[in-house]
N, C-alpha and C. Protein backbone atom coordinates (compact mmCIF):
# COMPACT_ATOMS: atom_id res chain seq x y z
N MET A 1 110.44 93.94 70.03
CA MET A 1 110.70 93.67 71.17
C MET A 1 109.53 93.70 72.14
N GLU A 2 109.31 92.90 73.21
CA GLU A 2 108.38 92.69 74.20
C GLU A 2 109.23 92.69 75.33
N ILE A 3 108.75 93.33 76.42
CA ILE A 3 109.26 92.99 77.98
C ILE A 3 108.39 92.10 78.61
N LEU A 4 108.99 91.45 79.32
CA LEU A 4 108.19 89.92 80.08
C LEU A 4 107.74 90.87 81.15
N ASP A 5 106.48 90.17 81.82
CA ASP A 5 105.86 90.84 82.71
C ASP A 5 106.93 90.45 84.10
N SER A 6 107.86 89.74 84.11
CA SER A 6 108.68 89.30 85.07
C SER A 6 109.66 90.40 85.09
N ARG A 7 110.06 91.12 83.71
CA ARG A 7 111.05 92.18 83.92
C ARG A 7 110.46 93.34 84.52
N LEU A 8 109.07 93.77 83.97
CA LEU A 8 108.47 94.82 84.85
C LEU A 8 108.34 94.69 86.36
N VAL A 9 108.30 93.47 86.92
CA VAL A 9 108.04 93.69 88.18
C VAL A 9 109.54 93.67 89.08
N GLU A 10 110.52 93.16 88.10
CA GLU A 10 111.79 93.58 88.70
C GLU A 10 111.98 94.99 88.63
N LEU A 11 111.72 95.69 87.83
CA LEU A 11 112.22 96.95 87.52
C LEU A 11 111.30 97.87 88.43
N VAL A 12 109.90 97.58 88.69
CA VAL A 12 109.23 98.60 89.54
C VAL A 12 109.67 98.16 91.10
N LYS A 13 110.04 96.96 91.50
CA LYS A 13 110.56 96.69 92.78
C LYS A 13 111.72 97.35 92.71
N ASN A 14 112.74 97.42 91.86
CA ASN A 14 113.81 98.06 91.93
C ASN A 14 114.01 99.36 92.22
N HIS A 15 112.92 100.10 91.39
CA HIS A 15 112.74 101.20 91.32
C HIS A 15 112.29 101.98 92.75
N LEU A 16 111.17 100.92 93.37
CA LEU A 16 110.40 101.41 94.80
C LEU A 16 111.39 100.95 96.02
N GLU A 17 112.06 99.80 95.67
CA GLU A 17 113.08 99.50 96.60
C GLU A 17 112.29 98.82 97.29
N ILE A 18 111.53 97.78 96.95
CA ILE A 18 110.60 96.79 97.47
C ILE A 18 111.21 95.44 97.45
N SER A 19 111.49 94.78 98.46
CA SER A 19 112.00 93.29 98.61
C SER A 19 110.50 92.42 99.16
N ILE A 20 110.24 91.43 98.42
CA ILE A 20 109.28 90.36 98.72
C ILE A 20 109.83 89.01 98.75
N SER A 21 109.88 88.61 100.07
CA SER A 21 110.06 87.21 100.40
C SER A 21 109.14 86.46 100.68
N THR A 22 109.08 85.16 100.29
CA THR A 22 108.04 84.05 100.46
C THR A 22 108.92 83.05 101.49
N ASP A 23 109.98 83.39 102.14
CA ASP A 23 111.02 82.33 103.03
C ASP A 23 110.35 83.07 104.38
N ILE A 24 110.15 81.66 104.92
CA ILE A 24 109.00 81.82 106.35
C ILE A 24 110.27 82.37 107.22
N SER A 25 111.21 82.23 106.92
CA SER A 25 112.52 82.81 108.00
C SER A 25 112.58 84.22 107.93
N ASN A 26 112.03 84.82 107.13
CA ASN A 26 111.81 86.21 107.11
C ASN A 26 110.44 86.89 107.90
N PHE A 27 109.60 86.22 108.31
CA PHE A 27 108.15 86.31 108.94
C PHE A 27 108.42 87.67 109.69
N GLU A 28 109.19 87.95 110.64
CA GLU A 28 109.32 88.66 111.58
C GLU A 28 110.37 89.78 111.12
N ASN A 29 111.09 89.70 110.30
CA ASN A 29 112.25 90.45 109.68
C ASN A 29 111.92 91.48 108.48
N VAL A 30 110.56 92.09 108.41
CA VAL A 30 110.40 92.69 107.37
C VAL A 30 109.43 93.89 108.14
N ASP A 31 109.23 94.73 107.17
CA ASP A 31 108.33 95.80 107.47
C ASP A 31 106.62 95.41 107.62
N CYS A 32 106.25 94.52 106.70
CA CYS A 32 104.84 94.35 106.58
C CYS A 32 104.83 92.68 106.40
N THR A 33 103.98 91.96 107.31
CA THR A 33 103.81 90.21 106.94
C THR A 33 102.78 90.16 106.47
N ILE A 34 102.39 89.25 105.57
CA ILE A 34 101.16 89.31 104.88
C ILE A 34 101.01 87.28 104.72
N TYR A 35 99.95 86.95 105.85
CA TYR A 35 99.72 85.31 106.08
C TYR A 35 98.53 85.14 106.11
N ASN A 36 98.13 83.80 106.10
CA ASN A 36 97.02 83.56 106.69
C ASN A 36 97.12 82.56 107.96
N GLU A 37 95.85 82.63 108.79
CA GLU A 37 95.83 81.94 110.07
C GLU A 37 94.05 81.29 110.01
N SER A 38 94.18 80.24 110.91
CA SER A 38 92.97 79.76 111.15
C SER A 38 92.42 80.13 112.47
N THR A 39 91.11 80.27 112.41
CA THR A 39 90.19 80.84 113.85
C THR A 39 90.16 79.50 114.38
N ALA A 40 89.66 79.51 115.94
CA ALA A 40 89.69 78.29 116.48
C ALA A 40 88.40 77.34 115.99
N ASP A 41 87.62 77.81 115.37
CA ASP A 41 86.56 77.05 114.81
C ASP A 41 86.84 76.69 113.50
N GLY A 42 88.03 76.88 112.74
CA GLY A 42 88.58 76.33 111.31
C GLY A 42 88.16 77.20 110.56
N TYR A 43 88.13 78.25 110.45
CA TYR A 43 87.78 79.22 109.30
C TYR A 43 89.42 80.02 108.99
N ASP A 44 89.44 80.10 107.81
CA ASP A 44 90.82 80.72 107.25
C ASP A 44 90.63 82.20 107.55
N VAL A 45 91.56 83.19 107.87
CA VAL A 45 91.55 84.64 107.88
C VAL A 45 92.91 84.80 107.36
N TYR A 46 92.93 86.10 107.04
CA TYR A 46 94.19 86.97 106.28
C TYR A 46 94.65 88.03 107.29
N VAL A 47 95.87 88.01 107.37
CA VAL A 47 96.51 88.96 108.35
C VAL A 47 97.48 89.75 107.31
N ILE A 48 97.29 91.42 107.65
CA ILE A 48 98.39 92.30 107.09
C ILE A 48 98.82 92.88 108.13
N THR A 49 100.26 92.79 108.46
CA THR A 49 100.32 93.47 109.64
C THR A 49 101.91 94.24 109.76
N ASN A 50 102.32 94.92 110.47
CA ASN A 50 103.46 95.54 110.71
C ASN A 50 104.09 94.94 111.88
N ASP A 51 103.32 94.24 112.70
CA ASP A 51 103.85 93.76 113.89
C ASP A 51 103.36 92.54 114.27
N PRO A 52 103.77 90.89 113.91
CA PRO A 52 102.86 89.78 113.87
C PRO A 52 102.82 89.43 115.37
N ARG A 53 103.85 89.92 115.96
CA ARG A 53 103.68 89.99 117.44
C ARG A 53 102.46 90.47 118.20
N ASN A 54 101.88 91.52 117.61
CA ASN A 54 100.90 92.26 118.04
C ASN A 54 99.67 92.74 117.20
N VAL A 55 99.16 91.60 116.64
CA VAL A 55 98.02 91.92 115.54
C VAL A 55 97.06 92.40 116.17
N SER A 56 96.29 93.55 115.29
CA SER A 56 94.96 94.04 115.65
C SER A 56 93.83 93.45 114.84
N VAL A 57 93.15 92.77 115.69
CA VAL A 57 92.15 91.87 114.70
C VAL A 57 91.15 92.80 114.07
N CYS A 58 90.94 94.09 114.62
CA CYS A 58 90.15 94.82 114.08
C CYS A 58 90.79 95.78 112.77
N GLU A 59 91.94 95.74 112.45
CA GLU A 59 92.31 96.55 111.65
C GLU A 59 93.24 95.82 110.51
N GLU A 60 93.57 94.69 111.07
CA GLU A 60 94.89 93.71 110.20
C GLU A 60 94.48 92.53 109.93
N VAL A 61 93.15 92.34 110.31
CA VAL A 61 92.63 90.75 109.86
C VAL A 61 91.51 90.83 109.09
N TYR A 62 91.79 89.77 107.78
CA TYR A 62 90.88 90.17 106.50
C TYR A 62 90.23 88.62 106.76
N TYR A 63 88.80 88.62 106.34
CA TYR A 63 88.01 87.31 106.36
C TYR A 63 88.32 86.85 104.95
N TYR A 64 88.07 87.71 103.80
CA TYR A 64 88.33 87.42 102.34
C TYR A 64 89.53 87.83 101.88
N ASP A 65 90.26 87.32 100.91
CA ASP A 65 91.52 87.23 100.23
C ASP A 65 91.54 88.32 99.29
N HIS A 66 90.46 88.72 98.73
CA HIS A 66 90.07 89.06 97.23
C HIS A 66 90.76 90.97 97.55
N ASP A 67 91.16 91.29 98.83
CA ASP A 67 91.75 92.70 98.73
C ASP A 67 93.12 92.71 99.44
N LEU A 68 93.43 91.58 99.51
CA LEU A 68 95.31 91.51 100.12
C LEU A 68 95.87 92.62 99.25
N ALA A 69 95.99 92.45 97.69
CA ALA A 69 96.81 92.87 96.86
C ALA A 69 96.83 94.23 96.86
N ASN A 70 95.37 94.94 97.35
CA ASN A 70 95.24 96.31 96.97
C ASN A 70 95.82 96.82 98.36
N GLN A 71 95.74 96.11 99.31
CA GLN A 71 96.22 96.25 100.93
C GLN A 71 97.77 96.38 100.74
N PHE A 72 98.13 95.63 99.97
CA PHE A 72 99.51 95.54 99.75
C PHE A 72 100.26 96.75 99.26
N THR A 73 99.47 96.85 98.04
CA THR A 73 99.82 98.49 97.56
C THR A 73 99.62 99.44 98.62
N GLU A 74 98.66 99.77 99.35
CA GLU A 74 98.65 100.53 100.38
C GLU A 74 99.61 100.72 101.20
N GLN A 75 100.23 99.40 101.59
CA GLN A 75 101.26 99.22 102.68
C GLN A 75 102.73 100.18 101.79
N VAL A 76 102.67 99.74 100.63
CA VAL A 76 103.82 100.32 99.91
C VAL A 76 103.72 101.64 99.81
N ARG A 77 102.68 102.46 99.55
CA ARG A 77 102.39 103.88 99.73
C ARG A 77 102.64 104.56 101.15
N TYR A 78 102.40 103.55 102.20
CA TYR A 78 102.59 104.20 103.67
C TYR A 78 104.10 104.24 103.86
N GLY A 79 104.87 103.38 102.94
CA GLY A 79 106.48 103.40 103.27
C GLY A 79 107.12 102.20 103.22
N ASP A 80 106.39 101.21 103.55
CA ASP A 80 106.90 99.78 103.89
C ASP A 80 107.59 99.36 102.48
N ARG A 81 108.85 98.72 102.83
CA ARG A 81 109.93 98.26 101.89
C ARG A 81 110.03 96.95 101.44
N THR A 82 110.02 96.25 102.72
CA THR A 82 110.36 94.83 102.93
C THR A 82 109.09 94.37 103.37
N PHE A 83 108.64 92.94 102.73
CA PHE A 83 107.59 92.16 102.85
C PHE A 83 107.76 90.80 102.95
N TYR A 84 107.01 89.87 103.96
CA TYR A 84 107.15 88.41 103.85
C TYR A 84 105.70 88.44 103.44
N VAL A 85 105.55 87.79 102.15
CA VAL A 85 104.18 87.26 102.05
C VAL A 85 104.02 85.73 101.74
N ASP A 86 103.10 84.94 102.28
CA ASP A 86 102.79 83.68 102.10
C ASP A 86 102.76 83.20 100.77
N GLY A 87 103.62 82.11 99.98
CA GLY A 87 103.73 81.79 98.54
C GLY A 87 102.37 81.64 98.00
N ASP A 88 101.28 81.06 98.93
CA ASP A 88 100.20 80.72 98.58
C ASP A 88 99.05 82.04 98.34
N ILE A 89 99.34 82.80 99.18
CA ILE A 89 98.69 84.49 98.87
C ILE A 89 99.28 85.01 97.79
N TYR A 90 100.61 84.88 97.40
CA TYR A 90 100.94 85.75 96.51
C TYR A 90 100.92 85.52 95.23
N ASP A 91 100.62 83.71 95.08
CA ASP A 91 100.38 83.69 93.59
C ASP A 91 98.73 83.73 93.79
N ASP A 92 97.75 83.16 94.42
CA ASP A 92 96.53 83.20 94.27
C ASP A 92 96.00 84.53 94.64
N CYS A 93 96.66 85.50 95.18
CA CYS A 93 95.84 86.93 95.04
C CYS A 93 96.69 87.95 94.35
N TYR A 94 97.12 87.37 93.15
CA TYR A 94 97.58 88.27 91.97
C TYR A 94 98.39 89.40 92.32
N PHE A 95 99.50 88.95 93.47
CA PHE A 95 100.42 90.11 93.57
C PHE A 95 101.22 90.56 92.67
N GLU A 96 101.53 89.94 91.52
CA GLU A 96 102.30 90.23 90.56
C GLU A 96 101.62 91.28 89.67
N ASP A 97 100.24 90.66 89.42
CA ASP A 97 99.74 91.96 88.73
C ASP A 97 99.29 93.49 89.27
N LYS A 98 99.42 93.36 90.58
CA LYS A 98 99.45 94.69 91.31
C LYS A 98 100.67 95.18 91.26
N LEU A 99 101.87 94.40 91.05
CA LEU A 99 102.95 95.33 91.01
C LEU A 99 103.31 95.85 89.70
N ILE A 100 102.49 95.18 88.53
CA ILE A 100 102.56 95.72 87.23
C ILE A 100 101.59 96.96 87.18
N GLU A 101 100.96 96.84 88.07
CA GLU A 101 99.98 98.25 87.97
C GLU A 101 100.97 99.16 88.62
N LEU A 102 101.70 98.93 89.68
CA LEU A 102 102.63 100.12 89.91
C LEU A 102 103.32 100.34 89.16
N PHE A 103 104.12 99.44 88.11
CA PHE A 103 104.98 99.65 87.27
C PHE A 103 104.28 100.77 86.29
N VAL A 104 103.11 100.48 85.93
CA VAL A 104 102.46 101.75 84.97
C VAL A 104 102.28 103.08 85.47
N GLU A 105 102.04 102.83 86.69
CA GLU A 105 101.88 104.01 87.56
C GLU A 105 103.03 105.25 87.75
N ASN A 106 104.30 104.39 87.48
CA ASN A 106 105.77 104.70 88.15
C ASN A 106 106.46 104.87 86.72
N VAL A 107 105.81 104.48 85.52
CA VAL A 107 106.86 103.82 84.08
C VAL A 107 107.52 105.01 84.02
N GLU A 108 107.21 106.65 83.85
CA GLU A 108 107.81 107.57 83.80
C GLU A 108 109.22 107.79 84.54
N ASP A 109 108.98 107.69 85.84
CA ASP A 109 109.94 107.78 86.68
C ASP A 109 111.22 106.61 86.54
N ILE A 110 110.56 105.52 85.99
CA ILE A 110 111.46 104.30 86.05
C ILE A 110 112.60 104.46 84.85
N ILE A 111 111.85 105.09 84.04
CA ILE A 111 112.67 105.29 82.73
C ILE A 111 113.75 106.33 82.88
N GLU A 112 113.39 107.37 83.73
CA GLU A 112 114.28 108.44 84.17
C GLU A 112 115.20 108.09 85.27
N ASN A 113 115.00 106.76 85.60
CA ASN A 113 115.88 106.52 87.02
C ASN A 113 117.14 105.84 86.22
N GLU A 114 118.30 106.81 86.73
CA GLU A 114 119.61 106.48 85.99
C GLU A 114 120.35 104.99 86.89
N GLU A 115 119.75 104.76 88.31
CA GLU A 115 120.43 103.69 88.98
C GLU A 115 119.73 102.45 88.61
N LEU A 116 118.78 102.48 87.77
CA LEU A 116 118.29 101.12 87.55
C LEU A 116 118.96 100.49 86.19
N ASP A 117 119.13 99.07 86.21
CA ASP A 117 119.58 98.51 85.31
C ASP A 117 118.54 98.15 84.06
N ILE A 118 118.48 99.33 83.25
CA ILE A 118 117.52 99.25 82.23
C ILE A 118 118.51 99.81 81.05
N THR A 119 118.34 98.81 79.80
CA THR A 119 118.61 99.31 78.36
C THR A 119 118.21 100.16 77.93
N LEU A 120 118.53 100.79 77.10
CA LEU A 120 118.26 101.85 76.04
C LEU A 120 117.16 101.04 75.25
N GLU A 121 117.37 100.21 75.11
CA GLU A 121 116.20 99.56 74.12
C GLU A 121 115.11 99.12 74.95
N GLU A 122 115.21 99.14 75.93
CA GLU A 122 113.95 98.89 77.01
C GLU A 122 113.45 100.08 77.20
N ILE A 123 113.99 101.04 77.32
CA ILE A 123 113.60 102.43 77.28
C ILE A 123 112.77 103.13 76.17
N ASN A 124 113.41 102.66 74.90
CA ASN A 124 112.43 103.01 73.83
C ASN A 124 111.17 102.35 73.72
N TYR A 125 111.51 101.02 73.88
CA TYR A 125 110.16 100.08 73.93
C TYR A 125 109.13 100.61 74.73
N LEU A 126 109.33 101.09 76.06
CA LEU A 126 108.66 101.66 77.19
C LEU A 126 107.89 102.97 76.68
N LYS A 127 108.89 103.64 76.23
CA LYS A 127 108.32 104.97 75.47
C LYS A 127 107.01 104.92 74.40
N GLU A 128 107.57 103.93 73.77
CA GLU A 128 106.67 103.63 72.69
C GLU A 128 105.30 103.06 73.20
N GLU A 129 105.42 102.13 73.99
CA GLU A 129 104.63 101.33 74.30
C GLU A 129 103.55 102.25 75.32
N TYR A 130 104.06 103.28 75.93
CA TYR A 130 103.11 103.79 76.97
C TYR A 130 102.84 105.27 76.39
N GLU A 131 103.29 105.48 75.24
CA GLU A 131 103.17 106.80 74.48
C GLU A 131 103.67 107.95 75.22
N LEU A 132 104.90 107.62 75.73
CA LEU A 132 105.29 108.67 76.36
C LEU A 132 106.09 110.01 75.79
N GLU A 133 106.50 109.72 74.88
CA GLU A 133 107.18 110.65 73.93
C GLU A 133 106.44 111.68 73.08
N ASN A 134 105.18 110.98 72.82
CA ASN A 134 104.10 111.93 72.14
C ASN A 134 103.54 112.57 73.19
N GLU A 135 103.31 112.25 74.23
CA GLU A 135 102.71 112.97 75.40
C GLU A 135 103.67 114.33 75.83
N GLU A 136 105.00 114.16 75.70
CA GLU A 136 105.81 115.03 75.73
C GLU A 136 105.69 116.28 74.57
N ALA A 137 105.86 115.71 73.18
CA ALA A 137 105.71 116.63 72.17
C ALA A 137 104.42 117.16 72.09
N ASN A 138 103.39 116.59 72.73
CA ASN A 138 101.98 117.14 72.28
C ASN A 138 102.00 118.48 73.51
N SER A 139 102.68 118.03 74.75
CA SER A 139 102.49 119.13 75.77
C SER A 139 103.19 120.38 75.74
N ALA A 140 104.21 120.15 74.92
CA ALA A 140 105.32 121.38 74.39
C ALA A 140 104.48 122.55 73.96
N GLU A 141 104.65 123.90 74.53
CA GLU A 141 104.21 124.89 74.07
C GLU A 141 105.02 125.69 72.93
N VAL A 142 104.36 126.21 71.94
CA VAL A 142 105.18 126.75 71.09
C VAL A 142 105.25 128.43 71.33
N VAL A 143 106.55 128.90 71.51
CA VAL A 143 106.68 130.43 71.97
C VAL A 143 107.13 131.09 71.13
């Protein structure tokens, strides 16, 4: 058995209670908005903000897109749960890869989360894949 990356993304989003929308109608109805803008002289810049009506140029505007997925992770750690991410940014900046990294960081908690829709077969596969049973067996002390 192998679990698809899309399933890992689904599991971590459900576990962390993250919702990501690429629908522009959700632009202002989320905790964090990630999108691109153009400057007056035609340069593209990228914005990650909690308030799209009051963007802080110094703190929330990025010239390069290569760090947007990392900043997204930070926003999750700060407690943001609902996101609007421009569809092109989501695809081009490897947001799914970042979600898979979050999955790996949280795999033990995900396996133990009884509220997730995760099968016993998936749990056993993940335990074997991430060597979780071996870690527990090796860390047990003999009394």
